[in-house]
Amino acid sequence: MRNINCPFYRKCLDYAVKQYLRSWDCSDCQYHKTQGDMDETDFTEYHLLLWGIFKPDLYRKYREAEAMKRLKGAGQEQREKD
């Protein structure tokens, strides 16, 4: 069974998607009963989960776009320092 309230759930989800795992659960994880704070009105993580499962190409493009945003932001910060 998956523990979607675990604070590490997103990391595990990212790993499962990158490894193209067809299924996975939290039963063997040391954190399988851990509960984290989660804003129930934020459905972003649920959408990403669905993309990862049903639209892996879309999920991959999203992750690449997010990485590019971070890189551009880091470049902007460096220019501001100079």
Protein backbone atom coordinates (compact mmCIF):
# COMPACT_ATOMS: atom_id res chain seq x y z
CA MET A 1 0.00 0.00 0.00
CA ARG A 2 1.21 3.52 -0.77
CA ASN A 3 1.46 6.21 1.90
CA ILE A 4 0.61 9.39 -0.02
CA ASN A 5 0.92 11.42 3.20
CA CYS A 6 4.58 10.55 3.62
CA PRO A 7 6.89 13.56 3.25
CA PHE A 8 9.16 11.42 1.01
CA TYR A 9 6.35 10.29 -1.31
CA ARG A 10 7.31 12.66 -4.14
CA LYS A 11 10.90 11.41 -4.16
CA CYS A 12 9.70 7.82 -4.33
CA LEU A 13 7.25 8.71 -7.07
CA ASP A 14 9.99 10.42 -9.09
CA TYR A 15 12.20 7.36 -8.67
CA ALA A 16 9.42 4.97 -9.73
CA VAL A 17 8.70 7.00 -12.84
CA LYS A 18 12.37 7.33 -13.81
CA GLN A 19 12.81 3.58 -13.40
CA TYR A 20 9.64 2.90 -15.45
CA LEU A 21 8.25 0.78 -12.63
CA ARG A 22 4.81 -0.56 -13.43
CA SER A 23 3.90 -0.74 -9.76
CA TRP A 24 5.40 -0.02 -6.37
CA ASP A 25 4.29 0.41 -2.78
CA CYS A 26 5.61 1.54 0.57
CA SER A 27 5.30 -1.73 2.50
CA ASP A 28 9.06 -2.38 2.72
CA CYS A 29 9.99 1.25 3.42
CA GLN A 30 11.08 2.32 6.89
CA TYR A 31 8.85 5.41 6.48
CA HIS A 32 5.68 3.52 5.45
CA LYS A 33 3.77 4.86 8.47
CA THR A 34 5.25 8.37 8.44
CA GLN A 35 2.77 11.22 8.12
CA GLY A 36 3.74 14.62 6.80
CA ASP A 37 2.02 17.94 6.45
CA MET A 38 0.08 18.17 3.22
CA ASP A 39 -2.22 20.89 1.97
CA GLU A 40 -5.24 19.01 0.71
CA THR A 41 -6.18 21.86 -1.61
CA ASP A 42 -2.96 21.49 -3.62
CA PHE A 43 -3.59 18.83 -6.24
CA THR A 44 -0.31 19.38 -8.12
CA GLU A 45 1.28 16.21 -6.76
CA TYR A 46 -1.77 14.15 -7.71
CA HIS A 47 -1.70 15.51 -11.25
CA LEU A 48 2.00 14.72 -11.51
CA LEU A 49 1.30 11.19 -10.29
CA LEU A 50 -1.31 10.72 -13.00
CA TRP A 51 1.01 12.14 -15.65
CA GLY A 52 3.78 9.85 -14.47
CA ILE A 53 1.54 6.81 -14.73
CA PHE A 54 -0.57 7.53 -17.81
CA LYS A 55 1.47 10.11 -19.74
CA PRO A 56 5.15 9.45 -18.99
CA ASP A 57 6.28 11.53 -21.99
CA LEU A 58 4.28 14.52 -20.73
CA TYR A 59 5.66 14.01 -17.22
CA ARG A 60 9.22 13.88 -18.56
CA LYS A 61 8.69 17.13 -20.52
CA TYR A 62 7.28 18.81 -17.41
CA ARG A 63 10.29 17.75 -15.34
CA GLU A 64 12.68 18.99 -18.05
CA ALA A 65 10.87 22.34 -18.19
CA GLU A 66 11.09 22.67 -14.41
CA ALA A 67 14.81 21.93 -14.53
CA MET A 68 15.29 24.60 -17.21
CA LYS A 69 13.41 27.14 -15.04
CA ARG A 70 15.75 26.38 -12.13
CA LEU A 71 18.80 26.74 -14.36
CA LYS A 72 17.59 30.06 -15.76
CA GLY A 73 16.84 31.28 -12.25
CA ALA A 74 20.33 30.31 -11.09
CA GLY A 75 21.84 32.10 -14.11
CA GLN A 76 19.83 35.24 -13.33
CA GLU A 77 21.02 35.19 -9.70
CA GLN A 78 24.63 34.86 -10.87
CA ARG A 79 24.27 37.84 -13.25
CA GLU A 80 22.80 39.93 -10.43
CA LYS A 81 25.82 39.12 -8.24
CA ASP A 82 28.21 40.24 -11.00
